[in-house]
Amino acid sequence: MNLDQKERVLKKLKIISIIFWCILIFLIIMNYHRLSASQIIAYSPDNPLLAGITMLLLYAVKTISVVFPYKVLQLASGMMFPLFFAVCVNTAGTAVSCAVGYYMGRFLGKDTAERIAVKNKKLANLLERQNSSVLFFSFFLRALVFLPLDAVSIYFGAVKSDFRKYMLGSVLGLLPNIIISTILGESISDPTSPQFLLSMLLFLLITLISLIWYLKYTKRDEEQ
């Protein structure tokens, strides 16, 4: 199967997943007046394990469709589950997304890595300077919160990086953002609460730190 055929298969999968999300979003819009935080909790499955598995499936479908940011699922988990369980669900869901994206890259092949680099200038700039281990580089790219999660996953799969090192670096790099987003979801019904405001402040701080780290990393390589 050549690259064009592989991309056609992936395109069909995306169309199916987009249809799924369109139906889901339509149902949400039609019932928007019932979707307060308390109502979402009320309509979630009584079995927390079943509800958690459902969220993991949504993470997997989201990776293929690229319809909306992962932040939506992270916030939703924070609204639906107790904090510790929500963090576990979001961490597991993020790992599922990273794994699905990785194997999408393996399926598409190494030519995909070049196409990804062309589409995202910041990512391309970092890939050109890549001289670190898979573990560190995957951690580094995930810590830069402004990079597209799916594109990074597909890149590592396309170049056939060590899966275990890639997954470990990815989860560790994304963990601070996962925790903060989950807390935001838990406290989103009261945006004036100290918990919500502190979470927003920490998210902005992480964004600033990641931007500074990116600038220093690229500047250091230019000086060498």
Protein backbone atom coordinates (compact mmCIF):
# COMPACT_ATOMS: atom_id res chain seq x y z
CA MET A 1 0.00 0.00 0.00
CA ASN A 2 1.57 3.30 -1.12
CA LEU A 3 1.38 6.62 0.74
CA ASP A 4 -1.58 7.94 -1.28
CA GLN A 5 -3.60 4.80 -0.54
CA LYS A 6 -2.72 5.02 3.15
CA GLU A 7 -3.81 8.65 3.27
CA ARG A 8 -7.12 7.76 1.60
CA VAL A 9 -7.75 5.12 4.29
CA LEU A 10 -6.92 7.67 6.99
CA LYS A 11 -9.18 10.23 5.32
CA LYS A 12 -12.10 7.79 5.43
CA LEU A 13 -11.47 7.14 9.12
CA LYS A 14 -11.44 10.89 9.73
CA ILE A 15 -14.75 11.33 7.90
CA ILE A 16 -16.36 8.58 10.01
CA SER A 17 -15.03 10.09 13.25
CA ILE A 18 -16.09 13.62 12.21
CA ILE A 19 -19.63 12.35 11.52
CA PHE A 20 -19.59 10.80 15.00
CA TRP A 21 -18.58 14.14 16.56
CA CYS A 22 -21.12 16.10 14.49
CA ILE A 23 -23.91 13.85 15.81
CA LEU A 24 -22.61 14.20 19.36
CA ILE A 25 -22.30 18.00 19.08
CA PHE A 26 -25.81 18.21 17.59
CA LEU A 27 -27.21 16.27 20.55
CA ILE A 28 -25.35 18.58 22.94
CA ILE A 29 -26.72 21.70 21.21
CA MET A 30 -30.25 20.32 21.27
CA ASN A 31 -29.91 19.69 25.02
CA TYR A 32 -27.66 22.61 25.95
CA HIS A 33 -30.13 23.86 28.57
CA ARG A 34 -29.64 20.60 30.49
CA LEU A 35 -25.85 20.61 30.43
CA SER A 36 -24.80 22.35 33.61
CA ALA A 37 -21.94 20.75 35.53
CA SER A 38 -24.38 19.01 37.86
CA GLN A 39 -26.46 17.73 34.94
CA ILE A 40 -23.42 16.32 33.18
CA ILE A 41 -22.56 14.39 36.32
CA ALA A 42 -26.17 13.23 36.60
CA TYR A 43 -26.25 11.95 32.99
CA SER A 44 -22.87 10.19 33.17
CA PRO A 45 -22.94 6.40 33.70
CA ASP A 46 -23.46 5.33 37.30
CA ASN A 47 -20.47 2.98 36.99
CA PRO A 48 -17.33 5.20 37.17
CA LEU A 49 -15.32 2.55 35.35
CA LEU A 50 -17.78 2.52 32.43
CA ALA A 51 -17.78 6.32 32.32
CA GLY A 52 -13.97 6.32 32.35
CA ILE A 53 -13.80 3.81 29.48
CA THR A 54 -16.23 5.98 27.51
CA MET A 55 -13.90 8.96 27.96
CA LEU A 56 -10.94 6.87 26.75
CA LEU A 57 -12.88 5.99 23.59
CA LEU A 58 -13.62 9.68 23.02
CA TYR A 59 -9.90 10.43 23.35
CA ALA A 60 -9.10 7.78 20.72
CA VAL A 61 -11.77 9.05 18.28
CA LYS A 62 -10.65 12.64 18.86
CA THR A 63 -7.09 11.76 17.78
CA ILE A 64 -8.34 10.60 14.39
CA SER A 65 -10.87 13.37 13.76
CA VAL A 66 -8.95 16.43 15.06
CA VAL A 67 -12.26 18.24 15.63
CA PHE A 68 -11.58 20.20 18.80
CA PRO A 69 -8.83 20.65 21.41
CA TYR A 70 -8.03 17.93 23.96
CA LYS A 71 -8.72 20.60 26.56
CA VAL A 72 -12.46 19.97 26.07
CA LEU A 73 -12.15 16.32 27.13
CA GLN A 74 -9.84 17.21 30.02
CA LEU A 75 -12.31 19.78 31.32
CA ALA A 76 -15.21 17.35 30.88
CA SER A 77 -13.45 14.69 32.96
CA GLY A 78 -12.81 17.26 35.67
CA MET A 79 -16.53 18.05 35.73
CA MET A 80 -17.69 14.42 35.74
CA PHE A 81 -15.35 12.64 38.16
CA PRO A 82 -13.71 13.18 41.54
CA LEU A 83 -10.39 14.97 41.11
CA PHE A 84 -8.00 12.03 41.57
CA PHE A 85 -10.05 9.72 39.33
CA ALA A 86 -10.41 12.51 36.73
CA VAL A 87 -6.64 13.00 36.62
CA CYS A 88 -6.20 9.24 36.12
CA VAL A 89 -8.79 9.21 33.32
CA ASN A 90 -7.23 12.20 31.57
CA THR A 91 -3.73 10.76 31.91
CA ALA A 92 -4.87 7.41 30.52
CA GLY A 93 -6.84 9.16 27.76
CA THR A 94 -3.83 11.24 26.80
CA ALA A 95 -1.71 8.08 26.68
CA VAL A 96 -4.31 6.48 24.40
CA SER A 97 -4.20 9.55 22.13
CA CYS A 98 -0.41 9.48 22.00
CA ALA A 99 -0.45 5.77 21.15
CA VAL A 100 -3.14 6.12 18.45
CA GLY A 101 -1.27 9.05 16.87
CA TYR A 102 2.01 7.11 17.00
CA TYR A 103 0.56 4.13 15.15
CA MET A 104 -1.11 6.44 12.64
CA GLY A 105 2.40 7.71 11.91
CA ARG A 106 3.75 4.15 11.63
CA PHE A 107 0.95 3.37 9.19
CA LEU A 108 1.56 6.43 7.01
CA GLY A 109 5.36 6.04 6.95
CA LYS A 110 8.40 8.29 7.10
CA ASP A 111 7.28 10.60 4.26
CA THR A 112 4.60 11.84 6.64
CA ALA A 113 7.25 13.32 8.95
CA GLU A 114 8.37 15.68 6.20
CA ARG A 115 4.81 16.78 5.50
CA ILE A 116 4.24 17.47 9.19
CA ALA A 117 7.41 19.57 9.35
CA VAL A 118 6.27 21.68 6.41
CA LYS A 119 2.85 22.41 7.94
CA ASN A 120 4.01 23.56 11.40
CA LYS A 121 6.96 25.97 11.41
CA LYS A 122 7.67 25.77 15.14
CA LEU A 123 7.67 21.99 15.08
CA ALA A 124 9.79 21.94 11.92
CA ASN A 125 12.28 24.29 13.57
CA LEU A 126 12.67 21.86 16.49
CA LEU A 127 12.83 18.73 14.33
CA GLU A 128 15.72 20.19 12.35
CA ARG A 129 17.70 20.59 15.59
CA GLN A 130 16.80 17.19 17.03
CA ASN A 131 19.94 15.61 18.50
CA SER A 132 18.57 14.30 21.80
CA SER A 133 17.35 10.92 22.99
CA VAL A 134 13.77 9.88 22.21
CA LEU A 135 12.86 10.06 25.90
CA PHE A 136 14.07 13.65 26.36
CA PHE A 137 12.89 14.93 22.99
CA SER A 138 9.38 13.52 23.39
CA PHE A 139 9.24 15.03 26.90
CA PHE A 140 10.50 18.36 25.57
CA LEU A 141 8.01 18.57 22.71
CA ARG A 142 5.10 17.68 25.00
CA ALA A 143 6.16 20.29 27.55
CA LEU A 144 5.77 22.93 24.82
CA VAL A 145 2.03 23.37 25.20
CA PHE A 146 1.60 25.30 21.94
CA LEU A 147 2.65 22.38 19.71
CA PRO A 148 -0.12 20.22 18.16
CA LEU A 149 -0.34 16.97 20.13
CA ASP A 150 -1.47 14.85 17.18
CA ALA A 151 1.25 16.10 14.81
CA VAL A 152 3.96 15.29 17.36
CA SER A 153 2.53 11.79 17.89
CA ILE A 154 2.36 11.08 14.16
CA TYR A 155 5.94 12.32 13.70
CA PHE A 156 7.38 9.94 16.31
CA GLY A 157 5.47 7.05 14.74
CA ALA A 158 6.51 7.99 11.21
CA VAL A 159 10.22 7.93 12.12
CA LYS A 160 9.70 4.68 14.10
CA SER A 161 10.98 5.97 17.44
CA ASP A 162 11.22 3.60 20.40
CA PHE A 163 7.57 3.32 21.52
CA ARG A 164 8.19 2.87 25.24
CA LYS A 165 10.59 5.82 25.51
CA TYR A 166 8.28 7.95 23.40
CA MET A 167 5.26 7.13 25.56
CA LEU A 168 7.09 7.72 28.84
CA GLY A 169 8.48 11.07 27.70
CA SER A 170 5.10 12.11 26.29
CA VAL A 171 3.09 11.34 29.41
CA LEU A 172 5.64 12.98 31.73
CA GLY A 173 5.81 16.07 29.54
CA LEU A 174 2.02 16.43 29.38
CA LEU A 175 1.29 15.58 33.02
CA PRO A 176 1.46 19.13 34.49
CA ASN A 177 -0.94 20.39 31.83
CA ILE A 178 -3.25 17.41 32.40
CA ILE A 179 -3.47 18.06 36.15
CA ILE A 180 -4.09 21.79 35.75
CA SER A 181 -6.75 21.28 33.05
CA THR A 182 -8.53 18.69 35.21
CA ILE A 183 -8.63 21.08 38.17
CA LEU A 184 -9.97 23.78 35.86
CA GLY A 185 -12.78 21.44 34.82
CA GLU A 186 -13.61 20.62 38.43
CA SER A 187 -13.89 24.30 39.37
CA ILE A 188 -15.24 25.70 36.09
CA SER A 189 -18.75 26.13 37.53
CA ASP A 190 -17.31 28.79 39.86
CA PRO A 191 -14.78 30.84 37.83
CA THR A 192 -14.26 33.25 40.74
CA SER A 193 -13.10 30.51 43.12
CA PRO A 194 -9.45 30.50 44.28
CA GLN A 195 -9.07 26.98 42.83
CA PHE A 196 -10.11 28.12 39.34
CA LEU A 197 -8.09 31.34 39.40
CA LEU A 198 -4.95 29.57 40.67
CA SER A 199 -5.31 26.92 37.98
CA MET A 200 -5.61 29.59 35.29
CA LEU A 201 -2.54 31.33 36.66
CA LEU A 202 -0.56 28.07 36.64
CA PHE A 203 -1.67 27.32 33.07
CA LEU A 204 -0.50 30.76 31.90
CA LEU A 205 2.77 30.25 33.79
CA ILE A 206 3.38 26.88 32.11
CA THR A 207 2.64 28.43 28.72
CA LEU A 208 5.13 31.22 29.39
CA ILE A 209 7.80 28.79 30.62
CA SER A 210 7.34 26.56 27.57
CA LEU A 211 7.70 29.55 25.24
CA ILE A 212 10.90 30.69 27.00
CA TRP A 213 12.27 27.11 26.88
CA TYR A 214 11.52 26.93 23.16
CA LEU A 215 13.27 30.24 22.45
CA LYS A 216 16.32 29.28 24.52
CA TYR A 217 16.53 25.84 22.90
CA THR A 218 16.44 27.23 19.36
CA LYS A 219 18.81 30.11 20.21
CA ARG A 220 21.34 27.73 21.80
CA ASP A 221 21.50 25.61 18.66
CA GLU A 222 21.89 28.66 16.45
CA GLU A 223 24.91 29.78 18.50
CA GLN A 224 26.61 26.37 18.28
